[in-house]
Amino acid sequence: MAVTRLVGECEKGTCATLYRVEGSGDLLVQGYDVENAGAVVGTDIPVGESVVRIPAEIIERYAREHLVR
């Protein structure tokens, strides 16, 4: 699967990052594992899915830099 890095917490390295999947336009999110995701109030996380936590700044920065004109 080929991806393009859109925005991240750091310019290089392993940190929270937003990627676009080439060909589909889907997004991948690299973030911090949420321990005991089933206990997150207001969620119903099924088997085979997971929850990650990312700083809101990642999405906000992407919107500022790429969506808001």
PDB file of N, CA and C in Angstrom:
ATOM      1  N   MET A   1       0.857  -1.170   0.000  1.00  0.00           N
ATOM      2  CA  MET A   1       0.000   0.000   0.000  1.00  0.00           C
ATOM      3  C   MET A   1       0.899   1.228   0.000  1.00  0.00           C
ATOM      4  N   ALA A   2       0.722   2.073  -0.991  1.00  0.00           N
ATOM      5  CA  ALA A   2       1.514   3.299  -1.082  1.00  0.00           C
ATOM      6  C   ALA A   2       0.749   4.445  -0.425  1.00  0.00           C
ATOM      7  N   VAL A   3       1.463   5.225   0.379  1.00  0.00           N
ATOM      8  CA  VAL A   3       0.842   6.350   1.075  1.00  0.00           C
ATOM      9  C   VAL A   3       1.676   7.614   0.874  1.00  0.00           C
ATOM     10  N   THR A   4       1.012   8.749   1.048  1.00  0.00           N
ATOM     11  CA  THR A   4       1.669  10.048   1.004  1.00  0.00           C
ATOM     12  C   THR A   4       1.476  10.715   2.353  1.00  0.00           C
ATOM     13  N   ARG A   5       2.559  11.173   2.940  1.00  0.00           N
ATOM     14  CA  ARG A   5       2.473  11.877   4.222  1.00  0.00           C
ATOM     15  C   ARG A   5       1.836  13.237   3.989  1.00  0.00           C
ATOM     16  N   LEU A   6       0.781  13.550   4.743  1.00  0.00           N
ATOM     17  CA  LEU A   6       0.101  14.828   4.606  1.00  0.00           C
ATOM     18  C   LEU A   6       0.573  15.836   5.642  1.00  0.00           C
ATOM     19  N   VAL A   7       0.589  15.432   6.894  1.00  0.00           N
ATOM     20  CA  VAL A   7       1.002  16.324   7.974  1.00  0.00           C
ATOM     21  C   VAL A   7       1.304  15.467   9.195  1.00  0.00           C
ATOM     22  N   GLY A   8       2.211  15.951  10.032  1.00  0.00           N
ATOM     23  CA  GLY A   8       2.543  15.202  11.231  1.00  0.00           C
ATOM     24  C   GLY A   8       3.016  16.105  12.344  1.00  0.00           C
ATOM     25  N   GLU A   9       3.183  15.490  13.505  1.00  0.00           N
ATOM     26  CA  GLU A   9       3.649  16.225  14.684  1.00  0.00           C
ATOM     27  C   GLU A   9       5.094  16.645  14.539  1.00  0.00           C
ATOM     28  N   CYS A  10       5.857  15.860  13.810  1.00  0.00           N
ATOM     29  CA  CYS A  10       7.259  16.208  13.577  1.00  0.00           C
ATOM     30  C   CYS A  10       7.546  16.014  12.090  1.00  0.00           C
ATOM     31  N   GLU A  11       8.551  16.678  11.607  1.00  0.00           N
ATOM     32  CA  GLU A  11       8.855  16.598  10.181  1.00  0.00           C
ATOM     33  C   GLU A  11       9.446  15.249   9.781  1.00  0.00           C
ATOM     34  N   LYS A  12      10.189  14.645  10.671  1.00  0.00           N
ATOM     35  CA  LYS A  12      10.785  13.331  10.410  1.00  0.00           C
ATOM     36  C   LYS A  12      10.687  12.520  11.681  1.00  0.00           C
ATOM     37  N   GLY A  13      10.619  11.231  11.533  1.00  0.00           N
ATOM     38  CA  GLY A  13      10.590  10.391  12.719  1.00  0.00           C
ATOM     39  C   GLY A  13       9.260   9.701  12.894  1.00  0.00           C
ATOM     40  N   THR A  14       9.108   9.105  14.047  1.00  0.00           N
ATOM     41  CA  THR A  14       7.912   8.325  14.322  1.00  0.00           C
ATOM     42  C   THR A  14       7.047   9.063  15.326  1.00  0.00           C
ATOM     43  N   CYS A  15       6.096   9.812  14.824  1.00  0.00           N
ATOM     44  CA  CYS A  15       5.181  10.565  15.680  1.00  0.00           C
ATOM     45  C   CYS A  15       3.806  10.577  15.018  1.00  0.00           C
ATOM     46  N   ALA A  16       2.838  11.150  15.672  1.00  0.00           N
ATOM     47  CA  ALA A  16       1.485  11.202  15.121  1.00  0.00           C
ATOM     48  C   ALA A  16       1.509  11.838  13.734  1.00  0.00           C
ATOM     49  N   THR A  17       0.919  11.141  12.760  1.00  0.00           N
ATOM     50  CA  THR A  17       0.985  11.575  11.368  1.00  0.00           C
ATOM     51  C   THR A  17      -0.294  11.199  10.635  1.00  0.00           C
ATOM     52  N   LEU A  18      -0.667  12.013   9.662  1.00  0.00           N
ATOM     53  CA  LEU A  18      -1.822  11.756   8.803  1.00  0.00           C
ATOM     54  C   LEU A  18      -1.302  11.440   7.409  1.00  0.00           C
ATOM     55  N   TYR A  19      -1.768  10.327   6.826  1.00  0.00           N
ATOM     56  CA  TYR A  19      -1.342   9.882   5.497  1.00  0.00           C
ATOM     57  C   TYR A  19      -2.559   9.729   4.589  1.00  0.00           C
ATOM     58  N   ARG A  20      -2.362   9.908   3.272  1.00  0.00           N
ATOM     59  CA  ARG A  20      -3.392   9.609   2.277  1.00  0.00           C
ATOM     60  C   ARG A  20      -2.946   8.354   1.522  1.00  0.00           C
ATOM     61  N   VAL A  21      -3.878   7.409   1.352  1.00  0.00           N
ATOM     62  CA  VAL A  21      -3.594   6.181   0.611  1.00  0.00           C
ATOM     63  C   VAL A  21      -3.709   6.494  -0.880  1.00  0.00           C
ATOM     64  N   GLU A  22      -2.646   6.246  -1.609  1.00  0.00           N
ATOM     65  CA  GLU A  22      -2.641   6.523  -3.042  1.00  0.00           C
ATOM     66  C   GLU A  22      -3.640   5.617  -3.749  1.00  0.00           C
ATOM     67  N   GLY A  23      -4.392   6.190  -4.652  1.00  0.00           N
ATOM     68  CA  GLY A  23      -5.353   5.424  -5.434  1.00  0.00           C
ATOM     69  C   GLY A  23      -6.763   5.442  -4.883  1.00  0.00           C
ATOM     70  N   SER A  24      -6.904   5.500  -3.560  1.00  0.00           N
ATOM     71  CA  SER A  24      -8.245   5.475  -2.975  1.00  0.00           C
ATOM     72  C   SER A  24      -8.632   6.796  -2.331  1.00  0.00           C
ATOM     73  N   GLY A  25      -7.625   7.563  -1.889  1.00  0.00           N
ATOM     74  CA  GLY A  25      -7.907   8.801  -1.183  1.00  0.00           C
ATOM     75  C   GLY A  25      -8.247   8.589   0.283  1.00  0.00           C
ATOM     76  N   ASP A  26      -8.293   7.325   0.734  1.00  0.00           N
ATOM     77  CA  ASP A  26      -8.539   7.054   2.146  1.00  0.00           C
ATOM     78  C   ASP A  26      -7.404   7.624   2.984  1.00  0.00           C
ATOM     79  N   LEU A  27      -7.656   7.779   4.273  1.00  0.00           N
ATOM     80  CA  LEU A  27      -6.652   8.306   5.185  1.00  0.00           C
ATOM     81  C   LEU A  27      -6.208   7.252   6.177  1.00  0.00           C
ATOM     82  N   LEU A  28      -4.949   7.288   6.529  1.00  0.00           N
ATOM     83  CA  LEU A  28      -4.393   6.475   7.613  1.00  0.00           C
ATOM     84  C   LEU A  28      -3.918   7.435   8.684  1.00  0.00           C
ATOM     85  N   VAL A  29      -4.120   7.064   9.924  1.00  0.00           N
ATOM     86  CA  VAL A  29      -3.685   7.886  11.045  1.00  0.00           C
ATOM     87  C   VAL A  29      -2.711   7.080  11.879  1.00  0.00           C
ATOM     88  N   GLN A  30      -1.535   7.631  12.079  1.00  0.00           N
ATOM     89  CA  GLN A  30      -0.554   7.047  12.992  1.00  0.00           C
ATOM     90  C   GLN A  30      -0.673   7.834  14.281  1.00  0.00           C
ATOM     91  N   GLY A  31      -0.915   7.139  15.372  1.00  0.00           N
ATOM     92  CA  GLY A  31      -1.085   7.841  16.635  1.00  0.00           C
ATOM     93  C   GLY A  31      -0.647   6.992  17.804  1.00  0.00           C
ATOM     94  N   TYR A  32      -1.086   7.411  18.956  1.00  0.00           N
ATOM     95  CA  TYR A  32      -0.707   6.754  20.197  1.00  0.00           C
ATOM     96  C   TYR A  32      -1.797   5.773  20.588  1.00  0.00           C
ATOM     97  N   ASP A  33      -1.423   4.531  20.890  1.00  0.00           N
ATOM     98  CA  ASP A  33      -2.398   3.517  21.293  1.00  0.00           C
ATOM     99  C   ASP A  33      -3.230   4.008  22.463  1.00  0.00           C
ATOM    100  N   VAL A  34      -4.528   3.759  22.372  1.00  0.00           N
ATOM    101  CA  VAL A  34      -5.421   4.027  23.492  1.00  0.00           C
ATOM    102  C   VAL A  34      -5.598   2.706  24.219  1.00  0.00           C
ATOM    103  N   GLU A  35      -5.069   2.636  25.413  1.00  0.00           N
ATOM    104  CA  GLU A  35      -5.201   1.407  26.185  1.00  0.00           C
ATOM    105  C   GLU A  35      -6.650   1.212  26.582  1.00  0.00           C
ATOM    106  N   ASN A  36      -7.113  -0.035  26.514  1.00  0.00           N
ATOM    107  CA  ASN A  36      -8.475  -0.382  26.879  1.00  0.00           C
ATOM    108  C   ASN A  36      -9.487   0.447  26.091  1.00  0.00           C
ATOM    109  N   ALA A  37      -9.346   0.430  24.758  1.00  0.00           N
ATOM    110  CA  ALA A  37     -10.204   1.232  23.885  1.00  0.00           C
ATOM    111  C   ALA A  37     -11.685   0.909  24.082  1.00  0.00           C
ATOM    112  N   GLY A  38     -11.996  -0.304  24.486  1.00  0.00           N
ATOM    113  CA  GLY A  38     -13.386  -0.678  24.717  1.00  0.00           C
ATOM    114  C   GLY A  38     -14.018   0.086  25.861  1.00  0.00           C
ATOM    115  N   ALA A  39     -13.195   0.688  26.711  1.00  0.00           N
ATOM    116  CA  ALA A  39     -13.717   1.426  27.857  1.00  0.00           C
ATOM    117  C   ALA A  39     -13.884   2.919  27.557  1.00  0.00           C
ATOM    118  N   VAL A  40     -13.574   3.341  26.318  1.00  0.00           N
ATOM    119  CA  VAL A  40     -13.736   4.752  25.962  1.00  0.00           C
ATOM    120  C   VAL A  40     -15.231   5.040  25.867  1.00  0.00           C
ATOM    121  N   VAL A  41     -15.708   5.931  26.697  1.00  0.00           N
ATOM    122  CA  VAL A  41     -17.134   6.237  26.775  1.00  0.00           C
ATOM    123  C   VAL A  41     -17.640   6.754  25.435  1.00  0.00           C
ATOM    124  N   GLY A  42     -18.773   6.216  25.003  1.00  0.00           N
ATOM    125  CA  GLY A  42     -19.390   6.670  23.763  1.00  0.00           C
ATOM    126  C   GLY A  42     -18.905   5.936  22.532  1.00  0.00           C
ATOM    127  N   THR A  43     -18.124   4.873  22.705  1.00  0.00           N
ATOM    128  CA  THR A  43     -17.644   4.110  21.552  1.00  0.00           C
ATOM    129  C   THR A  43     -18.062   2.658  21.663  1.00  0.00           C
ATOM    130  N   ASP A  44     -18.102   1.997  20.534  1.00  0.00           N
ATOM    131  CA  ASP A  44     -18.363   0.565  20.463  1.00  0.00           C
ATOM    132  C   ASP A  44     -17.387   0.017  19.433  1.00  0.00           C
ATOM    133  N   ILE A  45     -16.152  -0.224  19.864  1.00  0.00           N
ATOM    134  CA  ILE A  45     -15.081  -0.620  18.957  1.00  0.00           C
ATOM    135  C   ILE A  45     -15.154  -2.125  18.713  1.00  0.00           C
ATOM    136  N   PRO A  46     -15.459  -2.544  17.463  1.00  0.00           N
ATOM    137  CA  PRO A  46     -15.567  -3.967  17.175  1.00  0.00           C
ATOM    138  C   PRO A  46     -14.197  -4.639  17.043  1.00  0.00           C
ATOM    139  N   VAL A  47     -14.204  -5.950  17.103  1.00  0.00           N
ATOM    140  CA  VAL A  47     -12.990  -6.739  16.888  1.00  0.00           C
ATOM    141  C   VAL A  47     -12.458  -6.410  15.497  1.00  0.00           C
ATOM    142  N   GLY A  48     -11.165  -6.221  15.395  1.00  0.00           N
ATOM    143  CA  GLY A  48     -10.541  -5.907  14.120  1.00  0.00           C
ATOM    144  C   GLY A  48     -10.324  -4.424  13.891  1.00  0.00           C
ATOM    145  N   GLU A  49     -10.863  -3.590  14.773  1.00  0.00           N
ATOM    146  CA  GLU A  49     -10.637  -2.156  14.683  1.00  0.00           C
ATOM    147  C   GLU A  49      -9.912  -1.706  15.942  1.00  0.00           C
ATOM    148  N   SER A  50      -9.275  -0.547  15.861  1.00  0.00           N
ATOM    149  CA  SER A  50      -8.585  -0.023  17.027  1.00  0.00           C
ATOM    150  C   SER A  50      -8.771   1.490  17.087  1.00  0.00           C
ATOM    151  N   VAL A  51      -8.396   2.049  18.187  1.00  0.00           N
ATOM    152  CA  VAL A  51      -8.493   3.484  18.397  1.00  0.00           C
ATOM    153  C   VAL A  51      -7.094   4.007  18.673  1.00  0.00           C
ATOM    154  N   VAL A  52      -6.753   5.106  18.004  1.00  0.00           N
ATOM    155  CA  VAL A  52      -5.501   5.793  18.303  1.00  0.00           C
ATOM    156  C   VAL A  52      -5.830   7.231  18.650  1.00  0.00           C
ATOM    157  N   ARG A  53      -4.944   7.837  19.393  1.00  0.00           N
ATOM    158  CA  ARG A  53      -5.134   9.224  19.812  1.00  0.00           C
ATOM    159  C   ARG A  53      -4.100  10.084  19.108  1.00  0.00           C
ATOM    160  N   ILE A  54      -4.564  11.191  18.532  1.00  0.00           N
ATOM    161  CA  ILE A  54      -3.647  12.134  17.896  1.00  0.00           C
ATOM    162  C   ILE A  54      -3.959  13.531  18.410  1.00  0.00           C
ATOM    163  N   PRO A  55      -2.972  14.408  18.419  1.00  0.00           N
ATOM    164  CA  PRO A  55      -3.239  15.785  18.814  1.00  0.00           C
ATOM    165  C   PRO A  55      -4.182  16.451  17.806  1.00  0.00           C
ATOM    166  N   ALA A  56      -5.137  17.219  18.269  1.00  0.00           N
ATOM    167  CA  ALA A  56      -6.069  17.925  17.388  1.00  0.00           C
ATOM    168  C   ALA A  56      -5.316  18.814  16.413  1.00  0.00           C
ATOM    169  N   GLU A  57      -4.159  19.303  16.811  1.00  0.00           N
ATOM    170  CA  GLU A  57      -3.354  20.184  15.969  1.00  0.00           C
ATOM    171  C   GLU A  57      -3.027  19.547  14.614  1.00  0.00           C
ATOM    172  N   ILE A  58      -2.921  18.229  14.567  1.00  0.00           N
ATOM    173  CA  ILE A  58      -2.609  17.551  13.303  1.00  0.00           C
ATOM    174  C   ILE A  58      -3.705  17.840  12.273  1.00  0.00           C
ATOM    175  N   ILE A  59      -4.952  17.628  12.648  1.00  0.00           N
ATOM    176  CA  ILE A  59      -6.071  17.859  11.737  1.00  0.00           C
ATOM    177  C   ILE A  59      -6.241  19.353  11.462  1.00  0.00           C
ATOM    178  N   GLU A  60      -6.108  20.160  12.498  1.00  0.00           N
ATOM    179  CA  GLU A  60      -6.251  21.607  12.332  1.00  0.00           C
ATOM    180  C   GLU A  60      -5.199  22.159  11.371  1.00  0.00           C
ATOM    181  N   ARG A  61      -3.966  21.693  11.522  1.00  0.00           N
ATOM    182  CA  ARG A  61      -2.894  22.180  10.644  1.00  0.00           C
ATOM    183  C   ARG A  61      -3.130  21.737   9.208  1.00  0.00           C
ATOM    184  N   TYR A  62      -3.562  20.488   9.023  1.00  0.00           N
ATOM    185  CA  TYR A  62      -3.850  20.019   7.664  1.00  0.00           C
ATOM    186  C   TYR A  62      -4.944  20.868   7.028  1.00  0.00           C
ATOM    187  N   ALA A  63      -5.998  21.157   7.790  1.00  0.00           N
ATOM    188  CA  ALA A  63      -7.091  21.980   7.270  1.00  0.00           C
ATOM    189  C   ALA A  63      -6.590  23.377   6.895  1.00  0.00           C
ATOM    190  N   ARG A  64      -5.794  23.983   7.760  1.00  0.00           N
ATOM    191  CA  ARG A  64      -5.257  25.319   7.468  1.00  0.00           C
ATOM    192  C   ARG A  64      -4.389  25.324   6.212  1.00  0.00           C
ATOM    193  N   GLU A  65      -3.547  24.312   6.100  1.00  0.00           N
ATOM    194  CA  GLU A  65      -2.560  24.291   5.011  1.00  0.00           C
ATOM    195  C   GLU A  65      -3.118  23.790   3.689  1.00  0.00           C
ATOM    196  N   HIS A  66      -4.180  22.975   3.725  1.00  0.00           N
ATOM    197  CA  HIS A  66      -4.623  22.321   2.489  1.00  0.00           C
ATOM    198  C   HIS A  66      -6.087  22.515   2.138  1.00  0.00           C
ATOM    199  N   LEU A  67      -6.932  22.868   3.100  1.00  0.00           N
ATOM    200  CA  LEU A  67      -8.357  22.939   2.801  1.00  0.00           C
ATOM    201  C   LEU A  67      -8.919  24.352   2.849  1.00  0.00           C
ATOM    202  N   VAL A  68      -8.449  25.154   3.781  1.00  0.00           N
ATOM    203  CA  VAL A  68      -8.972  26.518   3.947  1.00  0.00           C
ATOM    204  C   VAL A  68      -8.216  27.445   2.999  1.00  0.00           C
ATOM    205  N   ARG A  69      -8.945  28.103   2.162  1.00  0.00           N
ATOM    206  CA  ARG A  69      -8.300  28.997   1.180  1.00  0.00           C
ATOM    207  C   ARG A  69      -8.770  30.405   1.406  1.00  0.00           C
TER     208      ARG A  69
END
